[in-house]
Amino acid sequence: MTYKIYGLKFYTKTRMERVSPPGTPAEKRIFLPKMYGVIEAPINKMMKAYPEEFSFMRHQTKRDLRPSAKGKEKK
């Protein structure tokens, strides 16, 4: 895996996941740490860097909505 592609930030985040069943007294609750991988960047950069991984998303920018210059007449 390449790093520093399009200025994306990669890091891990640890979240505590509750394992004990609901209704357990507060002093007997059990939590286990669970690590997640995080990618932080604007969505258009992430889609450019990893098109296969983000192929499920559809994203439109203002640039996509502007009319193309091909349709303009030269004066």
PDB file of N, CA and C in Angstrom:
ATOM      1  N   MET A   1       0.844  -1.181   0.000  1.00  0.00           N
ATOM      2  CA  MET A   1       0.000   0.000   0.000  1.00  0.00           C
ATOM      3  C   MET A   1       0.885   1.238   0.000  1.00  0.00           C
ATOM      4  N   THR A   2       0.537   2.197  -0.824  1.00  0.00           N
ATOM      5  CA  THR A   2       1.323   3.421  -0.876  1.00  0.00           C
ATOM      6  C   THR A   2       0.755   4.439   0.110  1.00  0.00           C
ATOM      7  N   TYR A   3       1.643   5.202   0.664  1.00  0.00           N
ATOM      8  CA  TYR A   3       1.237   6.230   1.622  1.00  0.00           C
ATOM      9  C   TYR A   3       1.440   7.605   1.006  1.00  0.00           C
ATOM     10  N   LYS A   4       0.818   8.607   1.603  1.00  0.00           N
ATOM     11  CA  LYS A   4       0.887   9.997   1.151  1.00  0.00           C
ATOM     12  C   LYS A   4       0.384  10.149  -0.280  1.00  0.00           C
ATOM     13  N   ILE A   5      -0.670   9.442  -0.618  1.00  0.00           N
ATOM     14  CA  ILE A   5      -1.267   9.555  -1.936  1.00  0.00           C
ATOM     15  C   ILE A   5      -2.397  10.586  -1.848  1.00  0.00           C
ATOM     16  N   TYR A   6      -2.316  11.648  -2.624  1.00  0.00           N
ATOM     17  CA  TYR A   6      -3.298  12.729  -2.637  1.00  0.00           C
ATOM     18  C   TYR A   6      -3.474  13.395  -1.279  1.00  0.00           C
ATOM     19  N   GLY A   7      -2.535  13.283  -0.378  1.00  0.00           N
ATOM     20  CA  GLY A   7      -2.642  13.923   0.926  1.00  0.00           C
ATOM     21  C   GLY A   7      -3.644  13.272   1.864  1.00  0.00           C
ATOM     22  N   LEU A   8      -3.908  11.970   1.688  1.00  0.00           N
ATOM     23  CA  LEU A   8      -4.834  11.258   2.578  1.00  0.00           C
ATOM     24  C   LEU A   8      -4.138  10.955   3.897  1.00  0.00           C
ATOM     25  N   LYS A   9      -4.900  10.955   4.977  1.00  0.00           N
ATOM     26  CA  LYS A   9      -4.346  10.616   6.287  1.00  0.00           C
ATOM     27  C   LYS A   9      -4.855   9.238   6.690  1.00  0.00           C
ATOM     28  N   PHE A  10      -3.942   8.349   7.054  1.00  0.00           N
ATOM     29  CA  PHE A  10      -4.281   6.996   7.494  1.00  0.00           C
ATOM     30  C   PHE A  10      -3.908   6.863   8.962  1.00  0.00           C
ATOM     31  N   TYR A  11      -4.809   6.365   9.781  1.00  0.00           N
ATOM     32  CA  TYR A  11      -4.493   6.109  11.174  1.00  0.00           C
ATOM     33  C   TYR A  11      -5.477   5.089  11.741  1.00  0.00           C
ATOM     34  N   THR A  12      -5.223   4.649  12.963  1.00  0.00           N
ATOM     35  CA  THR A  12      -6.116   3.699  13.617  1.00  0.00           C
ATOM     36  C   THR A  12      -6.857   4.390  14.738  1.00  0.00           C
ATOM     37  N   LYS A  13      -8.035   3.888  15.031  1.00  0.00           N
ATOM     38  CA  LYS A  13      -8.862   4.440  16.096  1.00  0.00           C
ATOM     39  C   LYS A  13      -9.344   3.266  16.946  1.00  0.00           C
ATOM     40  N   THR A  14      -9.206   3.374  18.247  1.00  0.00           N
ATOM     41  CA  THR A  14      -9.644   2.307  19.148  1.00  0.00           C
ATOM     42  C   THR A  14     -10.968   2.701  19.784  1.00  0.00           C
ATOM     43  N   ARG A  15     -11.946   1.835  19.646  1.00  0.00           N
ATOM     44  CA  ARG A  15     -13.265   2.035  20.262  1.00  0.00           C
ATOM     45  C   ARG A  15     -13.502   0.894  21.248  1.00  0.00           C
ATOM     46  N   MET A  16     -14.149   1.187  22.346  1.00  0.00           N
ATOM     47  CA  MET A  16     -14.463   0.168  23.343  1.00  0.00           C
ATOM     48  C   MET A  16     -15.828  -0.426  23.021  1.00  0.00           C
ATOM     49  N   GLU A  17     -15.855  -1.742  22.818  1.00  0.00           N
ATOM     50  CA  GLU A  17     -17.092  -2.442  22.473  1.00  0.00           C
ATOM     51  C   GLU A  17     -17.616  -3.183  23.696  1.00  0.00           C
ATOM     52  N   ARG A  18     -18.893  -2.990  23.990  1.00  0.00           N
ATOM     53  CA  ARG A  18     -19.504  -3.632  25.154  1.00  0.00           C
ATOM     54  C   ARG A  18     -19.791  -5.094  24.838  1.00  0.00           C
ATOM     55  N   VAL A  19     -19.330  -5.998  25.713  1.00  0.00           N
ATOM     56  CA  VAL A  19     -19.495  -7.435  25.511  1.00  0.00           C
ATOM     57  C   VAL A  19     -20.576  -7.992  26.431  1.00  0.00           C
ATOM     58  N   SER A  20     -20.720  -7.414  27.615  1.00  0.00           N
ATOM     59  CA  SER A  20     -21.691  -7.932  28.587  1.00  0.00           C
ATOM     60  C   SER A  20     -23.119  -7.665  28.116  1.00  0.00           C
ATOM     61  N   PRO A  21     -24.060  -8.518  28.502  1.00  0.00           N
ATOM     62  CA  PRO A  21     -25.450  -8.357  28.071  1.00  0.00           C
ATOM     63  C   PRO A  21     -26.092  -7.117  28.707  1.00  0.00           C
ATOM     64  N   PRO A  22     -27.125  -6.570  28.039  1.00  0.00           N
ATOM     65  CA  PRO A  22     -27.827  -5.416  28.613  1.00  0.00           C
ATOM     66  C   PRO A  22     -28.447  -5.769  29.962  1.00  0.00           C
ATOM     67  N   GLY A  23     -28.492  -4.807  30.838  1.00  0.00           N
ATOM     68  CA  GLY A  23     -29.052  -5.033  32.168  1.00  0.00           C
ATOM     69  C   GLY A  23     -28.012  -5.418  33.203  1.00  0.00           C
ATOM     70  N   THR A  24     -26.747  -5.554  32.803  1.00  0.00           N
ATOM     71  CA  THR A  24     -25.666  -5.885  33.719  1.00  0.00           C
ATOM     72  C   THR A  24     -25.354  -4.658  34.573  1.00  0.00           C
ATOM     73  N   PRO A  25     -25.140  -4.840  35.882  1.00  0.00           N
ATOM     74  CA  PRO A  25     -24.783  -3.696  36.729  1.00  0.00           C
ATOM     75  C   PRO A  25     -23.509  -3.011  36.229  1.00  0.00           C
ATOM     76  N   ALA A  26     -23.399  -1.716  36.486  1.00  0.00           N
ATOM     77  CA  ALA A  26     -22.303  -0.903  35.966  1.00  0.00           C
ATOM     78  C   ALA A  26     -20.932  -1.434  36.360  1.00  0.00           C
ATOM     79  N   GLU A  27     -20.784  -1.928  37.569  1.00  0.00           N
ATOM     80  CA  GLU A  27     -19.461  -2.390  38.020  1.00  0.00           C
ATOM     81  C   GLU A  27     -19.060  -3.732  37.409  1.00  0.00           C
ATOM     82  N   LYS A  28     -20.002  -4.465  36.792  1.00  0.00           N
ATOM     83  CA  LYS A  28     -19.696  -5.775  36.200  1.00  0.00           C
ATOM     84  C   LYS A  28     -19.715  -5.769  34.673  1.00  0.00           C
ATOM     85  N   ARG A  29     -19.847  -4.586  34.063  1.00  0.00           N
ATOM     86  CA  ARG A  29     -19.864  -4.512  32.606  1.00  0.00           C
ATOM     87  C   ARG A  29     -18.478  -4.808  32.047  1.00  0.00           C
ATOM     88  N   ILE A  30     -18.466  -5.487  30.907  1.00  0.00           N
ATOM     89  CA  ILE A  30     -17.201  -5.864  30.272  1.00  0.00           C
ATOM     90  C   ILE A  30     -17.100  -5.153  28.920  1.00  0.00           C
ATOM     91  N   PHE A  31     -15.970  -4.483  28.707  1.00  0.00           N
ATOM     92  CA  PHE A  31     -15.698  -3.796  27.448  1.00  0.00           C
ATOM     93  C   PHE A  31     -14.388  -4.320  26.874  1.00  0.00           C
ATOM     94  N   LEU A  32     -14.366  -4.537  25.564  1.00  0.00           N
ATOM     95  CA  LEU A  32     -13.148  -4.970  24.887  1.00  0.00           C
ATOM     96  C   LEU A  32     -12.753  -3.919  23.854  1.00  0.00           C
ATOM     97  N   PRO A  33     -11.464  -3.619  23.744  1.00  0.00           N
ATOM     98  CA  PRO A  33     -11.032  -2.652  22.727  1.00  0.00           C
ATOM     99  C   PRO A  33     -11.109  -3.252  21.330  1.00  0.00           C
ATOM    100  N   LYS A  34     -11.544  -2.457  20.370  1.00  0.00           N
ATOM    101  CA  LYS A  34     -11.625  -2.889  18.975  1.00  0.00           C
ATOM    102  C   LYS A  34     -10.992  -1.792  18.130  1.00  0.00           C
ATOM    103  N   MET A  35     -10.039  -2.193  17.268  1.00  0.00           N
ATOM    104  CA  MET A  35      -9.326  -1.209  16.459  1.00  0.00           C
ATOM    105  C   MET A  35      -9.936  -1.105  15.062  1.00  0.00           C
ATOM    106  N   TYR A  36     -10.049   0.124  14.573  1.00  0.00           N
ATOM    107  CA  TYR A  36     -10.564   0.404  13.250  1.00  0.00           C
ATOM    108  C   TYR A  36      -9.514   1.174  12.463  1.00  0.00           C
ATOM    109  N   GLY A  37      -9.446   0.934  11.168  1.00  0.00           N
ATOM    110  CA  GLY A  37      -8.591   1.723  10.285  1.00  0.00           C
ATOM    111  C   GLY A  37      -9.390   2.898   9.762  1.00  0.00           C
ATOM    112  N   VAL A  38      -8.784   4.075   9.743  1.00  0.00           N
ATOM    113  CA  VAL A  38      -9.482   5.292   9.346  1.00  0.00           C
ATOM    114  C   VAL A  38      -8.726   5.966   8.201  1.00  0.00           C
ATOM    115  N   ILE A  39      -9.463   6.392   7.182  1.00  0.00           N
ATOM    116  CA  ILE A  39      -8.907   7.213   6.111  1.00  0.00           C
ATOM    117  C   ILE A  39      -9.604   8.561   6.213  1.00  0.00           C
ATOM    118  N   GLU A  40      -8.813   9.623   6.290  1.00  0.00           N
ATOM    119  CA  GLU A  40      -9.396  10.950   6.435  1.00  0.00           C
ATOM    120  C   GLU A  40      -8.956  11.836   5.280  1.00  0.00           C
ATOM    121  N   ALA A  41      -9.927  12.301   4.508  1.00  0.00           N
ATOM    122  CA  ALA A  41      -9.663  13.199   3.381  1.00  0.00           C
ATOM    123  C   ALA A  41     -10.996  13.592   2.754  1.00  0.00           C
ATOM    124  N   PRO A  42     -10.990  14.584   1.896  1.00  0.00           N
ATOM    125  CA  PRO A  42     -12.208  14.892   1.137  1.00  0.00           C
ATOM    126  C   PRO A  42     -12.584  13.702   0.248  1.00  0.00           C
ATOM    127  N   ILE A  43     -13.868  13.494   0.055  1.00  0.00           N
ATOM    128  CA  ILE A  43     -14.344  12.294  -0.642  1.00  0.00           C
ATOM    129  C   ILE A  43     -13.860  12.236  -2.082  1.00  0.00           C
ATOM    130  N   ASN A  44     -13.749  13.377  -2.764  1.00  0.00           N
ATOM    131  CA  ASN A  44     -13.299  13.318  -4.158  1.00  0.00           C
ATOM    132  C   ASN A  44     -11.850  12.850  -4.258  1.00  0.00           C
ATOM    133  N   LYS A  45     -11.008  13.169  -3.275  1.00  0.00           N
ATOM    134  CA  LYS A  45      -9.626  12.681  -3.268  1.00  0.00           C
ATOM    135  C   LYS A  45      -9.582  11.185  -2.992  1.00  0.00           C
ATOM    136  N   MET A  46     -10.423  10.721  -2.080  1.00  0.00           N
ATOM    137  CA  MET A  46     -10.443   9.290  -1.765  1.00  0.00           C
ATOM    138  C   MET A  46     -10.928   8.482  -2.969  1.00  0.00           C
ATOM    139  N   MET A  47     -11.909   9.000  -3.696  1.00  0.00           N
ATOM    140  CA  MET A  47     -12.418   8.287  -4.866  1.00  0.00           C
ATOM    141  C   MET A  47     -11.394   8.273  -5.995  1.00  0.00           C
ATOM    142  N   LYS A  48     -10.585   9.322  -6.110  1.00  0.00           N
ATOM    143  CA  LYS A  48      -9.532   9.360  -7.126  1.00  0.00           C
ATOM    144  C   LYS A  48      -8.408   8.398  -6.783  1.00  0.00           C
ATOM    145  N   ALA A  49      -8.038   8.327  -5.510  1.00  0.00           N
ATOM    146  CA  ALA A  49      -6.925   7.485  -5.080  1.00  0.00           C
ATOM    147  C   ALA A  49      -7.292   6.002  -5.111  1.00  0.00           C
ATOM    148  N   TYR A  50      -8.517   5.659  -4.710  1.00  0.00           N
ATOM    149  CA  TYR A  50      -8.945   4.261  -4.610  1.00  0.00           C
ATOM    150  C   TYR A  50     -10.299   4.070  -5.305  1.00  0.00           C
ATOM    151  N   PRO A  51     -10.327   4.068  -6.639  1.00  0.00           N
ATOM    152  CA  PRO A  51     -11.614   3.977  -7.349  1.00  0.00           C
ATOM    153  C   PRO A  51     -12.365   2.674  -7.125  1.00  0.00           C
ATOM    154  N   GLU A  52     -11.664   1.539  -6.984  1.00  0.00           N
ATOM    155  CA  GLU A  52     -12.358   0.258  -6.789  1.00  0.00           C
ATOM    156  C   GLU A  52     -13.019   0.193  -5.414  1.00  0.00           C
ATOM    157  N   GLU A  53     -12.329   0.669  -4.385  1.00  0.00           N
ATOM    158  CA  GLU A  53     -12.858   0.580  -3.019  1.00  0.00           C
ATOM    159  C   GLU A  53     -14.069   1.481  -2.820  1.00  0.00           C
ATOM    160  N   PHE A  54     -14.101   2.633  -3.519  1.00  0.00           N
ATOM    161  CA  PHE A  54     -15.198   3.578  -3.349  1.00  0.00           C
ATOM    162  C   PHE A  54     -16.137   3.580  -4.554  1.00  0.00           C
ATOM    163  N   SER A  55     -16.178   2.485  -5.306  1.00  0.00           N
ATOM    164  CA  SER A  55     -17.037   2.422  -6.490  1.00  0.00           C
ATOM    165  C   SER A  55     -18.526   2.395  -6.123  1.00  0.00           C
ATOM    166  N   PHE A  56     -18.851   2.060  -4.890  1.00  0.00           N
ATOM    167  CA  PHE A  56     -20.252   2.015  -4.473  1.00  0.00           C
ATOM    168  C   PHE A  56     -20.830   3.420  -4.280  1.00  0.00           C
ATOM    169  N   MET A  57     -19.978   4.452  -4.235  1.00  0.00           N
ATOM    170  CA  MET A  57     -20.439   5.813  -3.984  1.00  0.00           C
ATOM    171  C   MET A  57     -20.612   6.580  -5.285  1.00  0.00           C
ATOM    172  N   ARG A  58     -21.585   7.473  -5.292  1.00  0.00           N
ATOM    173  CA  ARG A  58     -21.760   8.412  -6.395  1.00  0.00           C
ATOM    174  C   ARG A  58     -21.580   9.794  -5.802  1.00  0.00           C
ATOM    175  N   HIS A  59     -20.705  10.584  -6.412  1.00  0.00           N
ATOM    176  CA  HIS A  59     -20.389  11.901  -5.871  1.00  0.00           C
ATOM    177  C   HIS A  59     -20.362  12.909  -7.008  1.00  0.00           C
ATOM    178  N   GLN A  60     -21.034  14.029  -6.821  1.00  0.00           N
ATOM    179  CA  GLN A  60     -21.063  15.074  -7.836  1.00  0.00           C
ATOM    180  C   GLN A  60     -20.455  16.340  -7.250  1.00  0.00           C
ATOM    181  N   THR A  61     -19.563  16.953  -7.985  1.00  0.00           N
ATOM    182  CA  THR A  61     -18.969  18.214  -7.548  1.00  0.00           C
ATOM    183  C   THR A  61     -19.587  19.352  -8.343  1.00  0.00           C
ATOM    184  N   LYS A  62     -19.314  20.582  -7.930  1.00  0.00           N
ATOM    185  CA  LYS A  62     -19.822  21.733  -8.677  1.00  0.00           C
ATOM    186  C   LYS A  62     -19.222  21.772 -10.077  1.00  0.00           C
ATOM    187  N   ARG A  63     -18.002  21.312 -10.203  1.00  0.00           N
ATOM    188  CA  ARG A  63     -17.348  21.282 -11.512  1.00  0.00           C
ATOM    189  C   ARG A  63     -18.117  20.359 -12.469  1.00  0.00           C
ATOM    190  N   ASP A  64     -18.655  19.258 -11.960  1.00  0.00           N
ATOM    191  CA  ASP A  64     -19.437  18.344 -12.796  1.00  0.00           C
ATOM    192  C   ASP A  64     -20.732  18.990 -13.285  1.00  0.00           C
ATOM    193  N   LEU A  65     -21.288  19.905 -12.507  1.00  0.00           N
ATOM    194  CA  LEU A  65     -22.562  20.521 -12.843  1.00  0.00           C
ATOM    195  C   LEU A  65     -22.429  21.675 -13.833  1.00  0.00           C
ATOM    196  N   ARG A  66     -21.245  22.247 -13.980  1.00  0.00           N
ATOM    197  CA  ARG A  66     -21.030  23.362 -14.894  1.00  0.00           C
ATOM    198  C   ARG A  66     -21.127  22.882 -16.344  1.00  0.00           C
ATOM    199  N   PRO A  67     -21.625  23.751 -17.230  1.00  0.00           N
ATOM    200  CA  PRO A  67     -21.659  23.350 -18.643  1.00  0.00           C
ATOM    201  C   PRO A  67     -20.249  23.276 -19.214  1.00  0.00           C
ATOM    202  N   SER A  68     -20.060  22.412 -20.173  1.00  0.00           N
ATOM    203  CA  SER A  68     -18.725  22.240 -20.745  1.00  0.00           C
ATOM    204  C   SER A  68     -18.409  23.394 -21.698  1.00  0.00           C
ATOM    205  N   ALA A  69     -17.141  23.624 -21.938  1.00  0.00           N
ATOM    206  CA  ALA A  69     -16.698  24.693 -22.833  1.00  0.00           C
ATOM    207  C   ALA A  69     -16.891  24.300 -24.289  1.00  0.00           C
ATOM    208  N   LYS A  70     -17.126  23.038 -24.585  1.00  0.00           N
ATOM    209  CA  LYS A  70     -17.298  22.575 -25.961  1.00  0.00           C
ATOM    210  C   LYS A  70     -18.544  23.183 -26.611  1.00  0.00           C
ATOM    211  N   GLY A  71     -19.560  23.458 -25.824  1.00  0.00           N
ATOM    212  CA  GLY A  71     -20.802  23.983 -26.356  1.00  0.00           C
ATOM    213  C   GLY A  71     -20.770  25.487 -26.627  1.00  0.00           C
ATOM    214  N   LYS A  72     -19.744  26.188 -26.177  1.00  0.00           N
ATOM    215  CA  LYS A  72     -19.653  27.633 -26.351  1.00  0.00           C
ATOM    216  C   LYS A  72     -19.258  27.983 -27.775  1.00  0.00           C
ATOM    217  N   GLU A  73     -19.783  29.082 -28.265  1.00  0.00           N
ATOM    218  CA  GLU A  73     -19.408  29.572 -29.593  1.00  0.00           C
ATOM    219  C   GLU A  73     -18.232  30.528 -29.462  1.00  0.00           C
ATOM    220  N   LYS A  74     -17.380  30.523 -30.439  1.00  0.00           N
ATOM    221  CA  LYS A  74     -16.268  31.478 -30.461  1.00  0.00           C
ATOM    222  C   LYS A  74     -16.742  32.742 -31.150  1.00  0.00           C
ATOM    223  N   LYS A  75     -16.464  33.865 -30.515  1.00  0.00           N
ATOM    224  CA  LYS A  75     -16.904  35.154 -31.080  1.00  0.00           C
ATOM    225  C   LYS A  75     -15.764  35.898 -31.705  1.00  0.00           C
TER     226      LYS A  75
END
